[in-house]
Amino acid sequence: MATQELSVKDKLTEIYRLQQIDSKLAEIEILKGELPMEVSDLEDEIIGLETRIAKLKESIGDIDSEVSNHTANIAESEQLIEKYNGQLDNVKNNREYDALTKEIELQRLEIQLSGKKINDTKGGKSIKDEALEKAEARLDGKQKDLETKKVELEKIISKTEKEETKLKKQSEKAKKSIDARLLKSYNKISSSYRNGLAVVTVNRGSCGGCFNRIPPQQIIDIGAMKNIIACEHCGRVVVDESFDA
């Protein structure tokens, strides 16, 4: 391949050019800041809140159904009491009277039990209603935050999208002309540092990445461009400061 025939100087030129392109891409990411992550986190949080709200509404619906059933039981017991009271007027013996009064008492107990269950159930509903109200308010706030963040991000994207697309194409093209082993090393080093710098220039006798002093003889060797030299402290490829000219 043609890349194998390049001189060390040409290889350094190619890898430094790639670094310049990728650094510009990194600047665009810095411009976006934490917005992409914030948008993603808000979207996940909103999904979680929507799920919680749906479950709360379902639970409240079940409580309403339970209250409705208990209310129906009370109404049924009241009707039976009225019926049994009417039958008391026509009893023929003590056994019938005792049986009816026992049924009336059972229905009264049933009314008391259903009433207690209604009160207990309504107490649980009150807690869930409050939780639902808070969850819906939180959801509303998160949705507004998401909309704001999305607008901010979209404004940045609209300004940088063309440039970013162009730089990405340039980066991919530049990578094709770089020796495979050198490119692998570049990718490994750039991913190790937050600023993504894998290739730096000599800066006042120091490494432009970690700012540690470079021995004078090594600076001479870097300037001669006969070998690819890495900083002994941070591992970045160091090129002559003339590359920044």
C-alpha atoms as a PDB file:
ATOM      1  CA  MET A   1       0.000   0.000   0.000  1.00  0.00           C
ATOM      2  CA  ALA A   2       1.040   3.590  -0.576  1.00  0.00           C
ATOM      3  CA  THR A   3       1.038   4.349   3.162  1.00  0.00           C
ATOM      4  CA  GLN A   4       3.916   1.896   3.674  1.00  0.00           C
ATOM      5  CA  GLU A   5       6.110   3.956   1.350  1.00  0.00           C
ATOM      6  CA  LEU A   6       5.635   7.245   3.189  1.00  0.00           C
ATOM      7  CA  SER A   7       8.575   8.825   4.937  1.00  0.00           C
ATOM      8  CA  VAL A   8       8.474   9.385   8.684  1.00  0.00           C
ATOM      9  CA  LYS A   9       7.904  13.078   8.036  1.00  0.00           C
ATOM     10  CA  ASP A  10       4.947  12.295   5.776  1.00  0.00           C
ATOM     11  CA  LYS A  11       3.517   9.889   8.351  1.00  0.00           C
ATOM     12  CA  LEU A  12       3.811  12.541  11.032  1.00  0.00           C
ATOM     13  CA  THR A  13       2.189  15.086   8.729  1.00  0.00           C
ATOM     14  CA  GLU A  14      -0.740  12.736   8.069  1.00  0.00           C
ATOM     15  CA  ILE A  15      -1.267  11.843  11.721  1.00  0.00           C
ATOM     16  CA  TYR A  16      -0.983  15.486  12.791  1.00  0.00           C
ATOM     17  CA  ARG A  17      -3.514  16.496  10.136  1.00  0.00           C
ATOM     18  CA  LEU A  18      -5.901  13.863  11.464  1.00  0.00           C
ATOM     19  CA  GLN A  19      -5.405  15.237  14.976  1.00  0.00           C
ATOM     20  CA  GLN A  20      -6.259  18.740  13.786  1.00  0.00           C
ATOM     21  CA  ILE A  21      -9.478  17.491  12.195  1.00  0.00           C
ATOM     22  CA  ASP A  22     -10.473  15.448  15.233  1.00  0.00           C
ATOM     23  CA  SER A  23      -9.687  18.368  17.543  1.00  0.00           C
ATOM     24  CA  LYS A  24     -12.134  20.525  15.599  1.00  0.00           C
ATOM     25  CA  LEU A  25     -14.736  17.780  15.978  1.00  0.00           C
ATOM     26  CA  ALA A  26     -13.990  17.736  19.706  1.00  0.00           C
ATOM     27  CA  GLU A  27     -14.564  21.488  19.861  1.00  0.00           C
ATOM     28  CA  ILE A  28     -18.038  20.964  18.424  1.00  0.00           C
ATOM     29  CA  GLU A  29     -18.735  18.324  21.077  1.00  0.00           C
ATOM     30  CA  ILE A  30     -17.526  20.765  23.740  1.00  0.00           C
ATOM     31  CA  LEU A  31     -19.904  23.353  22.301  1.00  0.00           C
ATOM     32  CA  LYS A  32     -22.735  20.883  22.740  1.00  0.00           C
ATOM     33  CA  GLY A  33     -21.466  20.303  26.264  1.00  0.00           C
ATOM     34  CA  GLU A  34     -23.530  17.957  28.393  1.00  0.00           C
ATOM     35  CA  LEU A  35     -26.699  18.684  26.422  1.00  0.00           C
ATOM     36  CA  PRO A  36     -26.868  15.355  24.513  1.00  0.00           C
ATOM     37  CA  MET A  37     -26.446  13.400  27.753  1.00  0.00           C
ATOM     38  CA  GLU A  38     -28.880  15.662  29.608  1.00  0.00           C
ATOM     39  CA  VAL A  39     -31.485  15.191  26.860  1.00  0.00           C
ATOM     40  CA  SER A  40     -31.020  11.409  26.969  1.00  0.00           C
ATOM     41  CA  ASP A  41     -31.245  11.333  30.784  1.00  0.00           C
ATOM     42  CA  LEU A  42     -34.397  13.472  30.763  1.00  0.00           C
ATOM     43  CA  GLU A  43     -36.015  11.232  28.145  1.00  0.00           C
ATOM     44  CA  ASP A  44     -35.264   8.165  30.286  1.00  0.00           C
ATOM     45  CA  GLU A  45     -36.586   9.891  33.410  1.00  0.00           C
ATOM     46  CA  ILE A  46     -39.776  10.912  31.603  1.00  0.00           C
ATOM     47  CA  ILE A  47     -40.366   7.324  30.479  1.00  0.00           C
ATOM     48  CA  GLY A  48     -39.932   6.203  34.088  1.00  0.00           C
ATOM     49  CA  LEU A  49     -42.361   8.842  35.367  1.00  0.00           C
ATOM     50  CA  GLU A  50     -44.927   7.986  32.701  1.00  0.00           C
ATOM     51  CA  THR A  51     -44.714   4.327  33.707  1.00  0.00           C
ATOM     52  CA  ARG A  52     -45.125   5.235  37.391  1.00  0.00           C
ATOM     53  CA  ILE A  53     -48.100   7.502  36.630  1.00  0.00           C
ATOM     54  CA  ALA A  54     -49.775   4.778  34.569  1.00  0.00           C
ATOM     55  CA  LYS A  55     -49.354   2.290  37.442  1.00  0.00           C
ATOM     56  CA  LEU A  56     -50.683   4.796  39.987  1.00  0.00           C
ATOM     57  CA  LYS A  57     -53.721   5.520  37.834  1.00  0.00           C
ATOM     58  CA  GLU A  58     -54.357   1.803  37.432  1.00  0.00           C
ATOM     59  CA  SER A  59     -54.046   1.307  41.191  1.00  0.00           C
ATOM     60  CA  ILE A  60     -56.397   4.235  41.891  1.00  0.00           C
ATOM     61  CA  GLY A  61     -58.854   2.777  39.390  1.00  0.00           C
ATOM     62  CA  ASP A  62     -58.722  -0.535  41.255  1.00  0.00           C
ATOM     63  CA  ILE A  63     -59.373   1.309  44.525  1.00  0.00           C
ATOM     64  CA  ASP A  64     -62.371   3.112  43.005  1.00  0.00           C
ATOM     65  CA  SER A  65     -63.743  -0.238  41.830  1.00  0.00           C
ATOM     66  CA  GLU A  66     -63.237  -1.702  45.300  1.00  0.00           C
ATOM     67  CA  VAL A  67     -65.028   1.247  46.940  1.00  0.00           C
ATOM     68  CA  SER A  68     -67.832   0.888  44.411  1.00  0.00           C
ATOM     69  CA  ASN A  69     -68.178  -2.809  45.261  1.00  0.00           C
ATOM     70  CA  HIS A  70     -68.298  -2.112  48.999  1.00  0.00           C
ATOM     71  CA  THR A  71     -70.846   0.664  48.444  1.00  0.00           C
ATOM     72  CA  ALA A  72     -72.976  -1.769  46.445  1.00  0.00           C
ATOM     73  CA  ASN A  73     -72.687  -4.299  49.268  1.00  0.00           C
ATOM     74  CA  ILE A  74     -73.929  -1.688  51.750  1.00  0.00           C
ATOM     75  CA  ALA A  75     -76.868  -0.820  49.509  1.00  0.00           C
ATOM     76  CA  GLU A  76     -77.709  -4.512  49.132  1.00  0.00           C
ATOM     77  CA  SER A  77     -77.513  -5.062  52.912  1.00  0.00           C
ATOM     78  CA  GLU A  78     -79.752  -2.041  53.533  1.00  0.00           C
ATOM     79  CA  GLN A  79     -82.326  -3.435  51.117  1.00  0.00           C
ATOM     80  CA  LEU A  80     -82.217  -6.799  52.853  1.00  0.00           C
ATOM     81  CA  ILE A  81     -82.635  -5.154  56.274  1.00  0.00           C
ATOM     82  CA  GLU A  82     -85.658  -3.264  54.961  1.00  0.00           C
ATOM     83  CA  LYS A  83     -87.021  -6.509  53.541  1.00  0.00           C
ATOM     84  CA  TYR A  84     -86.431  -8.456  56.762  1.00  0.00           C
ATOM     85  CA  ASN A  85     -87.966  -5.661  58.876  1.00  0.00           C
ATOM     86  CA  GLY A  86     -91.058  -5.883  56.690  1.00  0.00           C
ATOM     87  CA  GLN A  87     -91.202  -9.627  57.201  1.00  0.00           C
ATOM     88  CA  LEU A  88     -91.042  -9.205  60.989  1.00  0.00           C
ATOM     89  CA  ASP A  89     -94.595  -7.906  60.916  1.00  0.00           C
ATOM     90  CA  ASN A  90     -95.780 -11.230  59.551  1.00  0.00           C
ATOM     91  CA  VAL A  91     -93.849 -13.743  61.664  1.00  0.00           C
ATOM     92  CA  LYS A  92     -95.849 -16.646  63.034  1.00  0.00           C
ATOM     93  CA  ASN A  93     -93.504 -17.893  65.736  1.00  0.00           C
ATOM     94  CA  ASN A  94     -90.373 -17.098  67.743  1.00  0.00           C
ATOM     95  CA  ARG A  95     -88.179 -19.237  65.503  1.00  0.00           C
ATOM     96  CA  GLU A  96     -89.022 -17.119  62.440  1.00  0.00           C
ATOM     97  CA  TYR A  97     -88.564 -13.956  64.499  1.00  0.00           C
ATOM     98  CA  ASP A  98     -85.142 -15.057  65.762  1.00  0.00           C
ATOM     99  CA  ALA A  99     -84.062 -16.078  62.277  1.00  0.00           C
ATOM    100  CA  LEU A 100     -85.031 -12.686  60.805  1.00  0.00           C
ATOM    101  CA  THR A 101     -83.450 -10.654  63.601  1.00  0.00           C
ATOM    102  CA  LYS A 102     -80.268 -12.706  63.187  1.00  0.00           C
ATOM    103  CA  GLU A 103     -80.226 -11.955  59.441  1.00  0.00           C
ATOM    104  CA  ILE A 104     -80.799  -8.271  60.162  1.00  0.00           C
ATOM    105  CA  GLU A 105     -77.898  -8.255  62.612  1.00  0.00           C
ATOM    106  CA  LEU A 106     -75.648 -10.023  60.079  1.00  0.00           C
ATOM    107  CA  GLN A 107     -76.500  -7.431  57.438  1.00  0.00           C
ATOM    108  CA  ARG A 108     -75.766  -4.604  59.889  1.00  0.00           C
ATOM    109  CA  LEU A 109     -72.380  -6.190  60.594  1.00  0.00           C
ATOM    110  CA  GLU A 110     -71.844  -6.489  56.848  1.00  0.00           C
ATOM    111  CA  ILE A 111     -72.596  -2.756  56.490  1.00  0.00           C
ATOM    112  CA  GLN A 112     -70.122  -1.922  59.275  1.00  0.00           C
ATOM    113  CA  LEU A 113     -67.439  -4.114  57.719  1.00  0.00           C
ATOM    114  CA  SER A 114     -67.963  -2.643  54.262  1.00  0.00           C
ATOM    115  CA  GLY A 115     -67.902   0.862  55.736  1.00  0.00           C
ATOM    116  CA  LYS A 116     -64.601   0.147  57.484  1.00  0.00           C
ATOM    117  CA  LYS A 117     -63.150  -1.252  54.249  1.00  0.00           C
ATOM    118  CA  ILE A 118     -64.288   1.853  52.380  1.00  0.00           C
ATOM    119  CA  ASN A 119     -62.584   4.125  54.918  1.00  0.00           C
ATOM    120  CA  ASP A 120     -59.383   2.074  54.829  1.00  0.00           C
ATOM    121  CA  THR A 121     -59.416   1.957  51.036  1.00  0.00           C
ATOM    122  CA  LYS A 122     -60.057   5.698  50.750  1.00  0.00           C
ATOM    123  CA  GLY A 123     -57.100   6.314  53.062  1.00  0.00           C
ATOM    124  CA  GLY A 124     -54.894   4.323  50.701  1.00  0.00           C
ATOM    125  CA  LYS A 125     -56.336   6.198  47.742  1.00  0.00           C
ATOM    126  CA  SER A 126     -55.530   9.544  49.369  1.00  0.00           C
ATOM    127  CA  ILE A 127     -51.861   8.522  49.581  1.00  0.00           C
ATOM    128  CA  LYS A 128     -51.836   7.373  45.954  1.00  0.00           C
ATOM    129  CA  ASP A 129     -53.666  10.526  44.803  1.00  0.00           C
ATOM    130  CA  GLU A 130     -50.966  12.615  46.457  1.00  0.00           C
ATOM    131  CA  ALA A 131     -48.225  10.493  44.879  1.00  0.00           C
ATOM    132  CA  LEU A 132     -49.919  10.823  41.487  1.00  0.00           C
ATOM    133  CA  GLU A 133     -50.187  14.595  41.822  1.00  0.00           C
ATOM    134  CA  LYS A 134     -46.477  14.863  42.669  1.00  0.00           C
ATOM    135  CA  ALA A 135     -45.486  12.508  39.850  1.00  0.00           C
ATOM    136  CA  GLU A 136     -47.559  14.467  37.307  1.00  0.00           C
ATOM    137  CA  ALA A 137     -46.075  17.760  38.514  1.00  0.00           C
ATOM    138  CA  ARG A 138     -42.581  16.291  38.257  1.00  0.00           C
ATOM    139  CA  LEU A 139     -43.349  14.948  34.795  1.00  0.00           C
ATOM    140  CA  ASP A 140     -44.582  18.360  33.683  1.00  0.00           C
ATOM    141  CA  GLY A 141     -41.377  19.969  34.952  1.00  0.00           C
ATOM    142  CA  LYS A 142     -39.165  17.367  33.271  1.00  0.00           C
ATOM    143  CA  GLN A 143     -41.029  17.730  29.977  1.00  0.00           C
ATOM    144  CA  LYS A 144     -40.485  21.495  30.063  1.00  0.00           C
ATOM    145  CA  ASP A 145     -36.799  20.975  30.892  1.00  0.00           C
ATOM    146  CA  LEU A 146     -36.498  18.499  28.020  1.00  0.00           C
ATOM    147  CA  GLU A 147     -38.103  20.914  25.579  1.00  0.00           C
ATOM    148  CA  THR A 148     -35.702  23.670  26.653  1.00  0.00           C
ATOM    149  CA  LYS A 149     -32.660  21.398  26.363  1.00  0.00           C
ATOM    150  CA  LYS A 150     -33.782  20.117  22.979  1.00  0.00           C
ATOM    151  CA  VAL A 151     -34.206  23.655  21.653  1.00  0.00           C
ATOM    152  CA  GLU A 152     -30.707  24.567  22.905  1.00  0.00           C
ATOM    153  CA  LEU A 153     -29.206  21.439  21.359  1.00  0.00           C
ATOM    154  CA  GLU A 154     -31.041  21.885  18.069  1.00  0.00           C
ATOM    155  CA  LYS A 155     -29.737  25.461  17.802  1.00  0.00           C
ATOM    156  CA  ILE A 156     -26.163  24.233  18.244  1.00  0.00           C
ATOM    157  CA  ILE A 157     -26.688  21.346  15.828  1.00  0.00           C
ATOM    158  CA  SER A 158     -28.172  23.664  13.201  1.00  0.00           C
ATOM    159  CA  LYS A 159     -25.059  25.834  13.420  1.00  0.00           C
ATOM    160  CA  THR A 160     -22.532  23.007  13.441  1.00  0.00           C
ATOM    161  CA  GLU A 161     -24.163  20.154  11.529  1.00  0.00           C
ATOM    162  CA  LYS A 162     -22.654  20.969   8.123  1.00  0.00           C
ATOM    163  CA  GLU A 163     -19.215  21.573   9.588  1.00  0.00           C
ATOM    164  CA  GLU A 164     -19.410  18.422  11.696  1.00  0.00           C
ATOM    165  CA  THR A 165     -20.448  16.297   8.717  1.00  0.00           C
ATOM    166  CA  LYS A 166     -17.637  17.766   6.648  1.00  0.00           C
ATOM    167  CA  LEU A 167     -15.051  17.136   9.378  1.00  0.00           C
ATOM    168  CA  LYS A 168     -16.217  13.562   9.909  1.00  0.00           C
ATOM    169  CA  LYS A 169     -15.750  12.832   6.222  1.00  0.00           C
ATOM    170  CA  GLN A 170     -12.305  14.440   6.324  1.00  0.00           C
ATOM    171  CA  SER A 171     -11.406  12.384   9.380  1.00  0.00           C
ATOM    172  CA  GLU A 172     -12.448   9.120   7.736  1.00  0.00           C
ATOM    173  CA  LYS A 173     -10.532  10.034   4.585  1.00  0.00           C
ATOM    174  CA  ALA A 174      -7.423  10.961   6.566  1.00  0.00           C
ATOM    175  CA  LYS A 175      -7.487   7.668   8.463  1.00  0.00           C
ATOM    176  CA  LYS A 176      -7.320   5.706   5.209  1.00  0.00           C
ATOM    177  CA  SER A 177      -3.896   7.161   4.386  1.00  0.00           C
ATOM    178  CA  ILE A 178      -2.364   6.393   7.796  1.00  0.00           C
ATOM    179  CA  ASP A 179      -0.368   3.271   8.627  1.00  0.00           C
ATOM    180  CA  ALA A 180      -2.640   0.755  10.396  1.00  0.00           C
ATOM    181  CA  ARG A 181      -0.379   0.325  13.435  1.00  0.00           C
ATOM    182  CA  LEU A 182       0.086   4.071  13.806  1.00  0.00           C
ATOM    183  CA  LEU A 183      -3.661   4.634  13.519  1.00  0.00           C
ATOM    184  CA  LYS A 184      -4.346   1.954  16.147  1.00  0.00           C
ATOM    185  CA  SER A 185      -1.910   3.678  18.493  1.00  0.00           C
ATOM    186  CA  TYR A 186      -3.508   7.051  17.733  1.00  0.00           C
ATOM    187  CA  ASN A 187      -6.995   5.748  18.539  1.00  0.00           C
ATOM    188  CA  LYS A 188      -5.815   4.129  21.770  1.00  0.00           C
ATOM    189  CA  ILE A 189      -4.038   7.263  23.003  1.00  0.00           C
ATOM    190  CA  SER A 190      -6.798   9.699  21.995  1.00  0.00           C
ATOM    191  CA  SER A 191      -9.391   7.608  23.826  1.00  0.00           C
ATOM    192  CA  SER A 192      -7.242   7.715  26.974  1.00  0.00           C
ATOM    193  CA  TYR A 193      -7.488  11.481  27.410  1.00  0.00           C
ATOM    194  CA  ARG A 194     -10.541  13.683  27.855  1.00  0.00           C
ATOM    195  CA  ASN A 195      -9.245  16.225  25.333  1.00  0.00           C
ATOM    196  CA  GLY A 196      -8.634  13.440  22.805  1.00  0.00           C
ATOM    197  CA  LEU A 197      -5.108  14.646  22.037  1.00  0.00           C
ATOM    198  CA  ALA A 198      -2.875  11.864  20.749  1.00  0.00           C
ATOM    199  CA  VAL A 199      -0.512  14.062  18.703  1.00  0.00           C
ATOM    200  CA  VAL A 200       0.971  17.259  20.129  1.00  0.00           C
ATOM    201  CA  THR A 201       3.733  19.696  19.285  1.00  0.00           C
ATOM    202  CA  VAL A 202       6.736  20.670  21.332  1.00  0.00           C
ATOM    203  CA  ASN A 203       5.771  23.726  23.386  1.00  0.00           C
ATOM    204  CA  ARG A 204       8.688  25.716  24.824  1.00  0.00           C
ATOM    205  CA  GLY A 205      10.731  22.619  25.326  1.00  0.00           C
ATOM    206  CA  SER A 206       7.847  20.678  26.840  1.00  0.00           C
ATOM    207  CA  CYS A 207       5.253  18.149  25.689  1.00  0.00           C
ATOM    208  CA  GLY A 208       2.197  20.001  24.399  1.00  0.00           C
ATOM    209  CA  GLY A 209      -0.016  17.391  26.032  1.00  0.00           C
ATOM    210  CA  CYS A 210       1.220  16.823  29.567  1.00  0.00           C
ATOM    211  CA  PHE A 211       3.635  19.834  29.710  1.00  0.00           C
ATOM    212  CA  ASN A 212       6.513  17.776  31.091  1.00  0.00           C
ATOM    213  CA  ARG A 213       9.990  18.834  29.970  1.00  0.00           C
ATOM    214  CA  ILE A 214      11.469  17.010  26.985  1.00  0.00           C
ATOM    215  CA  PRO A 215      15.232  16.259  27.054  1.00  0.00           C
ATOM    216  CA  PRO A 216      17.201  18.534  24.655  1.00  0.00           C
ATOM    217  CA  GLN A 217      18.518  15.601  22.588  1.00  0.00           C
ATOM    218  CA  GLN A 218      14.989  14.266  22.166  1.00  0.00           C
ATOM    219  CA  ILE A 219      13.816  17.682  20.951  1.00  0.00           C
ATOM    220  CA  ILE A 220      16.557  17.534  18.312  1.00  0.00           C
ATOM    221  CA  ASP A 221      15.409  14.039  17.300  1.00  0.00           C
ATOM    222  CA  ILE A 222      11.806  15.219  17.098  1.00  0.00           C
ATOM    223  CA  GLY A 223      12.866  18.080  14.829  1.00  0.00           C
ATOM    224  CA  ALA A 224      14.846  15.699  12.605  1.00  0.00           C
ATOM    225  CA  MET A 225      11.655  13.673  11.984  1.00  0.00           C
ATOM    226  CA  LYS A 226      13.548  10.452  11.339  1.00  0.00           C
ATOM    227  CA  ASN A 227      11.558   8.524  13.914  1.00  0.00           C
ATOM    228  CA  ILE A 228       8.121   8.725  15.456  1.00  0.00           C
ATOM    229  CA  ILE A 229       8.739   9.771  19.052  1.00  0.00           C
ATOM    230  CA  ALA A 230       6.293   9.496  21.940  1.00  0.00           C
ATOM    231  CA  CYS A 231       6.393  11.508  25.153  1.00  0.00           C
ATOM    232  CA  GLU A 232       7.949   9.347  27.843  1.00  0.00           C
ATOM    233  CA  HIS A 233       5.446  10.727  30.379  1.00  0.00           C
ATOM    234  CA  CYS A 234       2.054  10.620  28.645  1.00  0.00           C
ATOM    235  CA  GLY A 235       2.693   8.478  25.558  1.00  0.00           C
ATOM    236  CA  ARG A 236       1.446  11.067  23.077  1.00  0.00           C
ATOM    237  CA  VAL A 237       3.158  11.368  19.718  1.00  0.00           C
ATOM    238  CA  VAL A 238       5.238  14.543  19.786  1.00  0.00           C
ATOM    239  CA  VAL A 239       5.984  16.504  16.594  1.00  0.00           C
ATOM    240  CA  ASP A 240       8.120  19.547  15.932  1.00  0.00           C
ATOM    241  CA  GLU A 241       6.590  22.919  16.814  1.00  0.00           C
ATOM    242  CA  SER A 242       6.917  23.913  13.147  1.00  0.00           C
ATOM    243  CA  PHE A 243       3.759  21.852  12.521  1.00  0.00           C
ATOM    244  CA  ASP A 244       1.808  24.601  14.280  1.00  0.00           C
ATOM    245  CA  ALA A 245       3.269  27.286  12.038  1.00  0.00           C
END
